């Protein structure tokens, strides 16, 4: 929870998503990090530290480019 909160704090301070979510993504069960806009749509692309974790599971293929998803 703290890694998620810290990423949100850094993002609110103006840092880029690609820079703030590495501690969160280093957690064992974290697969991707993304940002939602005020309408609940994904703003930008997924940030993935362990691409192999998502790439080898067919169920994640539709999420590779989720920009604009809701």
N, C-alpha and C. Protein backbone atom coordinates (compact mmCIF):
# COMPACT_ATOMS: atom_id res chain seq x y z
N UNK A 1 0.84 -1.19 0.00
CA UNK A 1 0.00 0.00 0.00
C UNK A 1 0.88 1.25 0.00
N UNK A 2 1.96 1.22 0.76
CA UNK A 2 2.84 2.38 0.85
C UNK A 2 3.50 2.69 -0.50
N UNK A 3 3.89 1.68 -1.25
CA UNK A 3 4.50 1.90 -2.57
C UNK A 3 3.51 2.59 -3.50
N UNK A 4 2.25 2.20 -3.44
CA UNK A 4 1.20 2.81 -4.24
C UNK A 4 0.99 4.26 -3.82
N UNK A 5 0.91 4.50 -2.52
CA UNK A 5 0.72 5.86 -2.00
C UNK A 5 1.89 6.77 -2.39
N UNK A 6 3.10 6.25 -2.28
CA UNK A 6 4.29 7.05 -2.62
C UNK A 6 4.29 7.40 -4.11
N UNK A 7 3.91 6.46 -4.95
CA UNK A 7 3.83 6.74 -6.39
C UNK A 7 2.80 7.83 -6.65
N UNK A 8 1.66 7.78 -5.98
CA UNK A 8 0.62 8.80 -6.15
C UNK A 8 1.11 10.17 -5.68
N UNK A 9 1.83 10.20 -4.59
CA UNK A 9 2.37 11.47 -4.08
C UNK A 9 3.35 12.08 -5.07
N UNK A 10 4.23 11.27 -5.60
CA UNK A 10 5.22 11.76 -6.57
C UNK A 10 4.55 12.21 -7.86
N UNK A 11 3.53 11.48 -8.29
CA UNK A 11 2.79 11.85 -9.49
C UNK A 11 2.09 13.19 -9.29
N UNK A 12 1.48 13.37 -8.12
CA UNK A 12 0.81 14.64 -7.80
C UNK A 12 1.80 15.80 -7.74
N UNK A 13 3.05 15.49 -7.42
CA UNK A 13 4.08 16.52 -7.35
C UNK A 13 4.64 16.87 -8.73
N UNK A 14 4.15 16.20 -9.77
CA UNK A 14 4.54 16.55 -11.13
C UNK A 14 5.53 15.61 -11.80
N UNK A 15 5.93 14.54 -11.13
CA UNK A 15 6.85 13.59 -11.76
C UNK A 15 6.09 12.74 -12.78
N UNK A 16 6.80 12.21 -13.74
CA UNK A 16 6.19 11.39 -14.79
C UNK A 16 5.84 10.01 -14.27
N UNK A 17 4.74 9.45 -14.77
CA UNK A 17 4.29 8.14 -14.37
C UNK A 17 5.40 7.10 -14.55
N UNK A 18 6.13 7.18 -15.66
CA UNK A 18 7.20 6.22 -15.94
C UNK A 18 8.28 6.24 -14.86
N UNK A 19 8.42 7.36 -14.15
CA UNK A 19 9.44 7.49 -13.12
C UNK A 19 8.95 7.12 -11.72
N UNK A 20 7.65 7.28 -11.46
CA UNK A 20 7.16 7.15 -10.09
C UNK A 20 6.72 5.74 -9.70
N UNK A 21 6.50 4.87 -10.64
CA UNK A 21 5.90 3.59 -10.29
C UNK A 21 6.87 2.42 -10.18
N UNK A 22 8.17 2.65 -10.22
CA UNK A 22 9.13 1.54 -10.19
C UNK A 22 9.13 0.80 -8.85
N UNK A 23 8.98 1.48 -7.74
CA UNK A 23 8.92 0.78 -6.45
C UNK A 23 7.67 -0.08 -6.37
N UNK A 24 6.55 0.44 -6.86
CA UNK A 24 5.32 -0.34 -6.89
C UNK A 24 5.48 -1.56 -7.79
N UNK A 25 6.04 -1.38 -8.97
CA UNK A 25 6.20 -2.47 -9.91
C UNK A 25 7.20 -3.52 -9.45
N UNK A 26 8.05 -3.17 -8.51
CA UNK A 26 9.01 -4.13 -7.98
C UNK A 26 8.36 -5.13 -7.02
N UNK A 27 7.13 -4.87 -6.60
CA UNK A 27 6.42 -5.79 -5.72
C UNK A 27 6.10 -7.08 -6.48
N UNK A 28 6.08 -8.19 -5.77
CA UNK A 28 5.91 -9.51 -6.39
C UNK A 28 4.68 -9.64 -7.28
N UNK A 29 3.55 -9.10 -6.87
CA UNK A 29 2.31 -9.30 -7.62
C UNK A 29 1.90 -8.13 -8.50
N UNK A 30 2.74 -7.13 -8.63
CA UNK A 30 2.42 -5.98 -9.49
C UNK A 30 2.81 -6.32 -10.93
N UNK A 31 1.91 -6.09 -11.86
CA UNK A 31 2.17 -6.41 -13.26
C UNK A 31 2.27 -5.17 -14.13
N UNK A 32 1.52 -4.12 -13.79
CA UNK A 32 1.54 -2.91 -14.61
C UNK A 32 1.06 -1.74 -13.78
N UNK A 33 1.37 -0.56 -14.27
CA UNK A 33 0.95 0.67 -13.63
C UNK A 33 0.33 1.54 -14.72
N UNK A 34 -0.76 2.20 -14.40
CA UNK A 34 -1.41 3.06 -15.39
C UNK A 34 -2.17 4.16 -14.66
N UNK A 35 -2.55 5.17 -15.39
CA UNK A 35 -3.22 6.34 -14.83
C UNK A 35 -4.59 6.49 -15.46
N UNK A 36 -5.59 6.76 -14.63
CA UNK A 36 -6.93 7.02 -15.13
C UNK A 36 -7.22 8.52 -15.07
N UNK A 37 -7.95 9.03 -16.05
CA UNK A 37 -8.34 10.43 -16.02
C UNK A 37 -9.62 10.60 -15.18
N UNK A 38 -10.13 11.80 -15.13
CA UNK A 38 -11.31 12.09 -14.30
C UNK A 38 -12.56 11.35 -14.75
N UNK A 39 -12.57 10.83 -15.98
CA UNK A 39 -13.71 10.07 -16.49
C UNK A 39 -13.52 8.56 -16.37
N UNK A 40 -12.43 8.14 -15.75
CA UNK A 40 -12.17 6.72 -15.57
C UNK A 40 -11.56 6.05 -16.79
N UNK A 41 -11.08 6.83 -17.74
CA UNK A 41 -10.42 6.27 -18.93
C UNK A 41 -8.92 6.31 -18.73
N UNK A 42 -8.26 5.30 -19.27
CA UNK A 42 -6.81 5.25 -19.12
C UNK A 42 -6.16 6.36 -19.92
N UNK A 43 -5.31 7.10 -19.26
CA UNK A 43 -4.55 8.19 -19.90
C UNK A 43 -3.14 7.69 -20.14
N UNK A 44 -2.78 7.48 -21.38
CA UNK A 44 -1.45 6.99 -21.70
C UNK A 44 -1.37 5.48 -21.70
N UNK A 45 -0.17 5.01 -21.83
CA UNK A 45 0.07 3.57 -21.94
C UNK A 45 0.37 2.96 -20.59
N UNK A 46 0.37 1.63 -20.55
CA UNK A 46 0.78 0.90 -19.36
C UNK A 46 2.27 1.09 -19.15
N UNK A 47 2.70 1.12 -17.90
CA UNK A 47 4.10 1.07 -17.55
C UNK A 47 4.32 -0.31 -16.95
N UNK A 48 5.25 -1.07 -17.54
CA UNK A 48 5.47 -2.45 -17.12
C UNK A 48 6.95 -2.64 -16.82
N UNK A 49 7.25 -3.13 -15.64
CA UNK A 49 8.63 -3.42 -15.27
C UNK A 49 9.02 -4.81 -15.74
N UNK A 50 8.16 -5.74 -15.50
CA UNK A 50 8.44 -7.13 -15.84
C UNK A 50 7.58 -7.53 -17.02
N UNK A 51 8.02 -7.13 -18.20
CA UNK A 51 7.24 -7.40 -19.41
C UNK A 51 7.00 -8.89 -19.59
N UNK A 52 7.94 -9.70 -19.16
CA UNK A 52 7.79 -11.14 -19.32
C UNK A 52 6.59 -11.67 -18.54
N UNK A 53 6.24 -11.03 -17.43
CA UNK A 53 5.12 -11.49 -16.60
C UNK A 53 3.81 -11.37 -17.37
N UNK A 54 3.61 -10.29 -18.07
CA UNK A 54 2.36 -10.08 -18.81
C UNK A 54 2.42 -10.72 -20.20
N UNK A 55 3.56 -10.69 -20.83
CA UNK A 55 3.67 -11.14 -22.22
C UNK A 55 3.42 -12.64 -22.38
N UNK A 56 3.72 -13.43 -21.37
CA UNK A 56 3.58 -14.87 -21.51
C UNK A 56 2.20 -15.39 -21.13
N UNK A 57 1.31 -14.52 -20.72
CA UNK A 57 -0.02 -14.95 -20.36
C UNK A 57 -1.02 -14.40 -21.39
N UNK A 58 -1.64 -15.30 -22.13
CA UNK A 58 -2.55 -14.90 -23.20
C UNK A 58 -3.69 -14.03 -22.69
N UNK A 59 -4.09 -14.22 -21.44
CA UNK A 59 -5.21 -13.43 -20.91
C UNK A 59 -4.88 -11.95 -20.82
N UNK A 60 -3.60 -11.60 -20.81
CA UNK A 60 -3.20 -10.19 -20.72
C UNK A 60 -3.01 -9.53 -22.08
N UNK A 61 -3.04 -10.29 -23.18
CA UNK A 61 -2.80 -9.72 -24.50
C UNK A 61 -3.71 -8.54 -24.84
N UNK A 62 -5.01 -8.56 -24.50
CA UNK A 62 -5.85 -7.41 -24.82
C UNK A 62 -5.46 -6.15 -24.04
N UNK A 63 -4.67 -6.28 -23.01
CA UNK A 63 -4.29 -5.14 -22.18
C UNK A 63 -2.95 -4.53 -22.56
N UNK A 64 -2.30 -5.07 -23.57
CA UNK A 64 -0.98 -4.56 -23.93
C UNK A 64 -1.04 -3.07 -24.25
N UNK A 65 -1.99 -2.66 -25.07
CA UNK A 65 -2.18 -1.23 -25.35
C UNK A 65 -3.57 -0.85 -24.89
N UNK A 66 -3.67 -0.41 -23.66
CA UNK A 66 -4.98 -0.10 -23.07
C UNK A 66 -5.28 1.39 -23.04
N UNK A 67 -4.51 2.15 -23.78
CA UNK A 67 -4.74 3.60 -23.80
C UNK A 67 -6.18 3.90 -24.18
N UNK A 68 -6.85 4.69 -23.37
CA UNK A 68 -8.23 5.06 -23.63
C UNK A 68 -9.25 4.07 -23.09
N UNK A 69 -8.79 2.97 -22.49
CA UNK A 69 -9.71 1.98 -21.92
C UNK A 69 -10.46 2.58 -20.74
N UNK A 70 -11.61 2.01 -20.44
CA UNK A 70 -12.36 2.48 -19.26
C UNK A 70 -12.75 1.30 -18.39
